[in-house]
N, C-alpha and C. Protein backbone atom coordinates (compact mmCIF):
# COMPACT_ATOMS: atom_id res chain seq x y z
N MET A 1 110.74 81.54 129.92
CA MET A 1 111.47 81.08 128.69
C MET A 1 110.73 81.86 127.35
N GLY A 2 110.88 81.39 126.38
CA GLY A 2 110.26 81.96 125.27
C GLY A 2 111.36 81.77 123.96
N ILE A 3 111.14 82.79 122.99
CA ILE A 3 112.00 82.72 121.74
C ILE A 3 112.77 83.94 121.85
N SER A 4 114.07 83.77 121.37
CA SER A 4 114.80 84.98 121.42
C SER A 4 115.30 84.79 119.63
N VAL A 5 115.55 86.33 119.23
CA VAL A 5 115.84 86.34 117.92
C VAL A 5 117.41 86.94 117.88
N VAL A 6 118.40 86.28 116.96
CA VAL A 6 119.59 87.04 117.06
C VAL A 6 119.95 86.69 115.56
N TRP A 7 120.99 88.09 115.43
CA TRP A 7 121.84 87.66 114.35
C TRP A 7 122.61 86.70 114.50
N ASP A 8 123.09 85.73 113.22
CA ASP A 8 123.65 84.31 113.51
C ASP A 8 125.44 84.50 113.13
N ASN A 9 125.25 85.49 112.57
CA ASN A 9 126.69 86.08 111.69
C ASN A 9 126.90 87.42 111.96
N PRO A 10 128.10 88.17 111.65
CA PRO A 10 128.58 89.31 111.86
C PRO A 10 128.09 89.79 110.54
N GLU A 11 127.74 89.00 109.22
CA GLU A 11 127.39 89.51 108.03
C GLU A 11 126.00 89.64 108.06
N ARG A 12 125.51 89.55 109.08
CA ARG A 12 123.88 89.58 108.99
C ARG A 12 123.36 88.79 108.02
N THR A 13 123.69 87.96 107.28
CA THR A 13 122.90 87.29 106.31
C THR A 13 122.03 85.66 107.02
N ILE A 14 122.10 85.84 108.34
CA ILE A 14 121.41 84.52 108.92
C ILE A 14 120.63 85.24 110.39
N ILE A 15 119.52 84.79 110.15
CA ILE A 15 118.92 85.07 111.74
C ILE A 15 118.60 84.14 112.36
N ARG A 16 118.71 83.77 113.98
CA ARG A 16 118.65 82.53 114.28
C ARG A 16 117.39 82.64 115.30
N PHE A 17 116.16 82.01 115.36
CA PHE A 17 115.23 81.90 116.34
C PHE A 17 115.58 80.88 117.55
N ILE A 18 115.96 81.34 118.69
CA ILE A 18 116.28 79.90 119.69
C ILE A 18 114.86 79.91 120.56
N TYR A 19 114.47 78.62 120.44
CA TYR A 19 113.12 78.53 121.28
C TYR A 19 113.75 77.81 122.54
N ASN A 20 113.37 78.67 123.60
CA ASN A 20 113.72 78.03 125.17
C ASN A 20 112.76 77.59 125.71
N GLY A 21 112.85 76.58 126.16
CA GLY A 21 111.48 75.91 127.03
C GLY A 21 110.22 75.84 126.66
N GLN A 22 109.39 76.49 127.33
CA GLN A 22 107.83 76.76 126.84
C GLN A 22 107.81 77.95 126.40
N TRP A 23 107.04 77.73 124.98
CA TRP A 23 107.01 78.96 124.62
C TRP A 23 105.45 79.41 123.91
N SER A 24 104.84 80.80 123.70
CA SER A 24 103.48 80.81 123.29
C SER A 24 103.52 80.81 122.14
N LEU A 25 102.26 81.45 121.62
CA LEU A 25 102.24 82.04 120.35
C LEU A 25 102.06 83.28 120.44
N ASP A 26 102.10 83.98 121.30
CA ASP A 26 102.45 85.71 121.50
C ASP A 26 103.85 85.69 121.45
N ASN A 27 104.77 84.61 122.13
CA ASN A 27 106.56 84.65 122.03
C ASN A 27 106.41 84.55 120.47
N PHE A 28 106.04 83.91 119.88
CA PHE A 28 106.42 83.64 118.53
C PHE A 28 106.22 84.80 117.62
N TYR A 29 104.76 85.25 117.24
CA TYR A 29 104.57 86.52 117.05
C TYR A 29 105.47 87.91 117.08
N GLN A 30 105.86 87.84 118.44
CA GLN A 30 106.95 88.96 118.94
C GLN A 30 108.15 88.61 118.30
N ALA A 31 108.46 87.43 118.14
CA ALA A 31 109.76 86.89 117.83
C ALA A 31 109.86 87.15 116.32
N LEU A 32 108.61 86.97 115.56
CA LEU A 32 108.62 87.09 114.07
C LEU A 32 108.71 88.55 114.07
N ASN A 33 108.00 89.32 114.57
CA ASN A 33 107.84 91.29 114.45
C ASN A 33 109.23 91.38 114.37
N GLU A 34 109.96 90.83 115.58
CA GLU A 34 111.40 91.34 115.79
C GLU A 34 112.39 90.83 114.36
N SER A 35 112.09 89.65 113.86
CA SER A 35 112.84 88.98 112.84
C SER A 35 112.57 90.26 111.47
N HIS A 36 111.41 90.46 111.59
CA HIS A 36 110.98 91.40 110.25
C HIS A 36 111.50 93.08 110.67
N GLN A 37 111.99 93.50 111.76
CA GLN A 37 112.32 94.83 111.79
C GLN A 37 114.13 94.45 111.57
N MET A 38 114.72 93.20 111.68
CA MET A 38 115.91 92.97 111.57
C MET A 38 116.28 92.99 109.93
N MET A 39 115.23 92.22 109.16
CA MET A 39 115.34 91.94 107.81
C MET A 39 115.03 93.30 107.29
N ASP A 40 114.42 94.18 108.00
CA ASP A 40 114.05 95.72 107.13
C ASP A 40 115.85 96.40 107.02
N SER A 41 116.65 95.95 107.93
CA SER A 41 117.74 96.48 108.09
C SER A 41 118.96 96.51 107.12
N VAL A 42 118.52 95.07 106.29
CA VAL A 42 119.70 95.00 105.00
C VAL A 42 118.59 94.81 103.90
N ASP A 43 119.55 94.74 102.58
CA ASP A 43 118.79 94.92 101.16
C ASP A 43 118.96 93.24 100.25
N PHE A 44 119.21 92.38 101.24
CA PHE A 44 119.53 91.22 100.71
C PHE A 44 118.62 90.00 101.40
N ARG A 45 118.79 88.68 100.67
CA ARG A 45 118.14 87.54 101.37
C ARG A 45 119.02 87.16 102.27
N VAL A 46 117.99 87.14 103.65
CA VAL A 46 118.52 86.55 104.89
C VAL A 46 118.05 85.21 105.40
N GLY A 47 118.95 84.16 105.34
CA GLY A 47 118.51 82.74 105.84
C GLY A 47 117.98 82.62 107.31
N ILE A 48 117.35 81.80 107.44
CA ILE A 48 116.57 81.54 108.85
C ILE A 48 116.77 80.57 109.48
N ILE A 49 117.34 80.15 110.74
CA ILE A 49 117.55 78.94 111.35
C ILE A 49 116.78 79.16 112.90
N ILE A 50 115.88 78.27 112.51
CA ILE A 50 114.69 77.98 113.59
C ILE A 50 115.03 76.45 114.78
N ASP A 51 116.00 77.19 115.88
CA ASP A 51 116.71 76.36 116.78
C ASP A 51 115.73 75.90 117.55
N MET A 52 115.04 74.54 117.78
CA MET A 52 114.47 74.10 118.45
C MET A 52 115.04 73.12 119.42
N GLU A 53 116.14 73.04 119.55
CA GLU A 53 117.17 71.88 120.45
C GLU A 53 116.74 71.87 121.82
N ASN A 54 116.23 73.39 122.54
CA ASN A 54 115.71 73.57 123.89
C ASN A 54 114.21 73.68 123.74
N SER A 55 113.44 73.54 122.80
CA SER A 55 111.91 73.76 123.01
C SER A 55 111.30 72.80 123.49
N LYS A 56 110.36 73.11 124.38
CA LYS A 56 109.30 72.31 124.99
C LYS A 56 108.11 72.09 124.00
N LEU A 57 107.06 71.70 124.68
CA LEU A 57 105.49 71.40 124.24
C LEU A 57 105.48 72.63 123.17
N VAL A 58 104.72 72.09 121.98
CA VAL A 58 104.38 73.09 121.11
C VAL A 58 102.71 73.55 121.57
N PRO A 59 102.89 74.84 121.67
CA PRO A 59 101.46 75.58 121.86
C PRO A 59 100.20 74.85 121.32
N ASN A 60 99.16 74.66 122.09
CA ASN A 60 98.13 74.29 121.07
C ASN A 60 97.59 75.43 120.45
N GLY A 61 96.92 75.00 119.33
CA GLY A 61 96.41 75.71 118.15
C GLY A 61 97.44 76.40 117.10
N VAL A 62 98.67 75.64 117.37
CA VAL A 62 99.67 76.30 116.66
C VAL A 62 99.46 76.32 114.95
N LEU A 63 98.95 74.81 114.70
CA LEU A 63 98.79 74.74 113.63
C LEU A 63 97.74 75.78 112.69
N SER A 64 96.79 76.00 113.27
CA SER A 64 96.07 76.91 112.61
C SER A 64 96.44 78.26 112.33
N HIS A 65 97.71 78.53 112.94
CA HIS A 65 98.35 79.73 112.50
C HIS A 65 99.19 80.00 111.35
N GLY A 66 99.10 78.58 110.60
CA GLY A 66 100.11 78.47 109.53
C GLY A 66 100.01 79.47 108.40
N LYS A 67 98.73 79.21 108.02
CA LYS A 67 98.08 80.59 106.65
C LYS A 67 98.75 81.78 106.79
N ASN A 68 98.34 82.22 108.27
CA ASN A 68 98.62 83.44 108.78
C ASN A 68 100.11 83.91 108.84
N VAL A 69 101.35 83.16 109.12
CA VAL A 69 102.69 83.13 108.94
C VAL A 69 103.04 83.03 107.45
N SER A 70 102.38 82.19 107.15
CA SER A 70 103.00 82.17 105.30
C SER A 70 102.48 83.37 104.73
N MET A 71 101.57 83.96 105.25
CA MET A 71 101.01 85.50 104.32
C MET A 71 102.21 86.42 105.24
N ARG A 72 102.80 86.25 105.89
CA ARG A 72 103.80 87.26 106.55
C ARG A 72 105.17 87.00 106.33
N LYS A 73 105.42 86.33 105.39
CA LYS A 73 106.68 86.39 104.75
C LYS A 73 107.31 87.64 104.49
N HIS A 74 108.63 87.94 105.02
CA HIS A 74 109.52 89.17 104.62
C HIS A 74 110.08 88.92 103.08
N GLN A 75 109.91 90.27 102.59
CA GLN A 75 110.38 89.90 101.39
C GLN A 75 111.81 89.62 100.89
N ASN A 76 112.68 89.96 102.15
CA ASN A 76 114.05 89.49 102.67
C ASN A 76 114.51 88.24 102.88
N GLN A 77 113.08 87.48 103.42
CA GLN A 77 113.45 86.28 104.04
C GLN A 77 113.91 85.12 103.26
N GLY A 78 115.04 84.42 103.09
CA GLY A 78 115.41 83.29 102.22
C GLY A 78 114.68 82.06 103.01
N LYS A 79 115.70 80.66 102.71
CA LYS A 79 115.48 79.61 103.15
C LYS A 79 114.96 79.80 104.61
N SER A 80 114.78 78.49 105.25
CA SER A 80 114.51 78.23 106.51
C SER A 80 115.03 76.80 107.01
N VAL A 81 116.08 76.52 107.94
CA VAL A 81 116.52 75.45 108.33
C VAL A 81 115.80 75.38 109.79
N ILE A 82 115.51 74.12 110.17
CA ILE A 82 114.96 73.68 111.22
C ILE A 82 115.95 72.82 112.09
N VAL A 83 116.51 73.13 113.27
CA VAL A 83 117.34 72.41 113.97
C VAL A 83 116.34 71.73 115.25
N GLY A 84 116.79 70.60 115.57
CA GLY A 84 116.47 69.59 116.47
C GLY A 84 115.20 69.64 116.81
N ALA A 85 114.21 69.43 115.94
CA ALA A 85 112.74 69.11 115.80
C ALA A 85 112.41 67.69 116.04
N GLY A 86 111.62 67.56 116.96
CA GLY A 86 111.36 66.21 117.47
C GLY A 86 110.23 65.85 116.61
N GLY A 87 109.68 64.53 117.07
CA GLY A 87 108.78 63.86 115.99
C GLY A 87 107.23 64.69 115.75
N LEU A 88 107.21 65.41 116.96
CA LEU A 88 106.00 66.00 116.96
C LEU A 88 105.84 67.27 116.22
N VAL A 89 106.72 67.94 115.84
CA VAL A 89 106.90 69.08 115.09
C VAL A 89 107.30 68.79 113.63
N ARG A 90 107.87 67.70 113.42
CA ARG A 90 107.85 67.31 112.43
C ARG A 90 106.58 66.68 111.58
N THR A 91 105.48 66.02 112.34
CA THR A 91 104.38 65.55 112.33
C THR A 91 103.37 66.80 111.80
N LEU A 92 103.63 67.96 112.54
CA LEU A 92 102.65 69.31 112.48
C LEU A 92 103.21 69.69 111.38
N PHE A 93 104.50 69.80 111.16
CA PHE A 93 105.21 70.31 109.86
C PHE A 93 104.41 69.70 108.40
N ASP A 94 104.22 68.30 108.34
CA ASP A 94 103.88 67.74 107.61
C ASP A 94 102.33 67.78 107.46
N VAL A 95 101.44 67.97 108.28
CA VAL A 95 100.19 68.33 108.08
C VAL A 95 99.80 70.00 107.49
N TYR A 96 100.89 70.54 108.26
CA TYR A 96 100.89 71.90 107.71
C TYR A 96 100.99 72.05 106.53
N ARG A 97 101.82 71.06 105.78
CA ARG A 97 102.38 71.31 104.05
C ARG A 97 101.16 70.72 103.52
N LYS A 98 100.53 69.58 103.85
CA LYS A 98 99.13 69.06 103.37
C LYS A 98 98.02 69.65 103.09
N VAL A 99 97.83 70.55 104.61
CA VAL A 99 96.61 71.77 104.56
C VAL A 99 96.69 72.82 103.68
N TYR A 100 98.07 73.42 103.78
CA TYR A 100 98.02 74.72 103.22
C TYR A 100 98.89 74.37 101.95
N ARG A 101 98.68 73.29 101.12
CA ARG A 101 99.86 72.68 100.13
C ARG A 101 99.78 73.99 98.94
N THR A 102 98.49 74.78 98.46
CA THR A 102 98.48 75.69 97.64
C THR A 102 99.65 76.80 97.90
N SER A 103 99.73 77.30 99.22
CA SER A 103 100.52 78.52 99.63
C SER A 103 101.83 78.09 100.36
N PHE A 104 102.26 76.67 100.34
CA PHE A 104 102.81 76.12 100.95
C PHE A 104 104.65 75.87 99.85
N ASP A 105 105.61 76.23 100.21
CA ASP A 105 106.76 76.12 99.35
C ASP A 105 107.45 74.78 99.84
N ASP A 106 107.66 73.77 99.43
CA ASP A 106 108.19 72.74 99.99
C ASP A 106 110.06 72.83 100.26
N THR A 107 110.52 73.80 98.86
CA THR A 107 111.96 73.96 98.97
C THR A 107 112.50 74.92 99.80
N ALA A 108 111.42 75.73 100.83
CA ALA A 108 111.75 76.75 101.10
C ALA A 108 111.98 76.37 103.02
N TYR A 109 112.07 74.89 102.94
CA TYR A 109 112.36 74.67 104.50
C TYR A 109 113.30 73.26 104.34
N HIS A 110 114.27 73.12 105.27
CA HIS A 110 114.90 71.80 105.57
C HIS A 110 114.98 71.60 107.19
N PHE A 111 115.09 70.30 107.13
CA PHE A 111 115.37 69.74 108.45
C PHE A 111 116.64 69.36 108.88
N VAL A 112 117.73 69.59 109.73
CA VAL A 112 118.81 69.52 109.87
C VAL A 112 118.97 68.86 111.46
N SER A 113 120.11 68.07 111.58
CA SER A 113 120.35 67.67 113.18
C SER A 113 120.75 68.65 114.07
N ASN A 114 121.87 69.71 113.44
CA ASN A 114 122.58 70.35 114.27
C ASN A 114 122.83 71.91 113.80
N LEU A 115 123.26 72.72 114.56
CA LEU A 115 123.53 74.21 113.80
C LEU A 115 124.35 74.27 112.98
N ASP A 116 125.85 73.31 113.36
CA ASP A 116 126.49 73.48 112.10
C ASP A 116 126.35 73.09 110.79
N GLU A 117 125.34 72.23 110.56
CA GLU A 117 124.67 71.58 109.30
C GLU A 117 123.80 72.81 109.00
N ALA A 118 123.04 73.20 109.95
CA ALA A 118 121.96 74.62 109.23
C ALA A 118 122.93 75.61 108.74
N ARG A 119 124.15 76.12 109.40
CA ARG A 119 124.83 77.11 109.00
C ARG A 119 125.20 76.94 107.57
N THR A 120 126.24 75.67 107.37
CA THR A 120 126.66 75.11 106.24
C THR A 120 125.88 75.27 104.97
N LEU A 121 124.66 74.73 105.49
CA LEU A 121 123.12 74.69 104.18
C LEU A 121 122.95 75.84 103.59
N LEU A 122 122.67 77.11 104.75
CA LEU A 122 122.40 78.12 104.47
C LEU A 122 123.57 79.07 103.57
N LEU A 123 124.85 78.81 104.00
CA LEU A 123 125.94 79.52 103.41
C LEU A 123 126.17 79.08 101.89
N GLN A 124 125.83 78.02 101.85
CA GLN A 124 126.09 77.11 100.92
C GLN A 124 125.05 78.16 99.29
N GLN A 125 123.75 78.02 100.12
CA GLN A 125 122.70 78.41 99.11
C GLN A 125 122.93 79.91 98.89
N GLN A 126 123.27 80.41 99.79
CA GLN A 126 123.88 81.82 99.70
C GLN A 126 124.77 82.21 98.69
N ALA A 127 125.40 81.34 98.25
CA ALA A 127 126.59 81.31 97.46
C ALA A 127 126.57 81.19 95.92
N VAL A 128 125.04 80.74 95.90
CA VAL A 128 124.81 80.26 94.65
C VAL A 128 124.31 81.48 93.91
């Protein structure tokens, strides 16, 4: 299984991370690198959809990688919208926000229940 990274629209203003079944931190970093290469190909902000609707368990140790991930934010990365996150993911996110509060931007992340909501939110923010 793992994580797929795709352009979510033909304008290349949204990248979608699709979490499929069980995934590992290696899968995550590979997907992150792939998304950076995609964002390197444009000269504008790109919204991120983190599609966890088909994700299984979160790998052990994921929380300890939070600061590393926040330090690797791409210059073209815009807001991130998380779709289909279960209770565990939301709890980990809250813990991450508290632990890394000095480097965490609360306005950069949103939780929604479906892909249509995520796309609408990102497109509205890009129009501003």
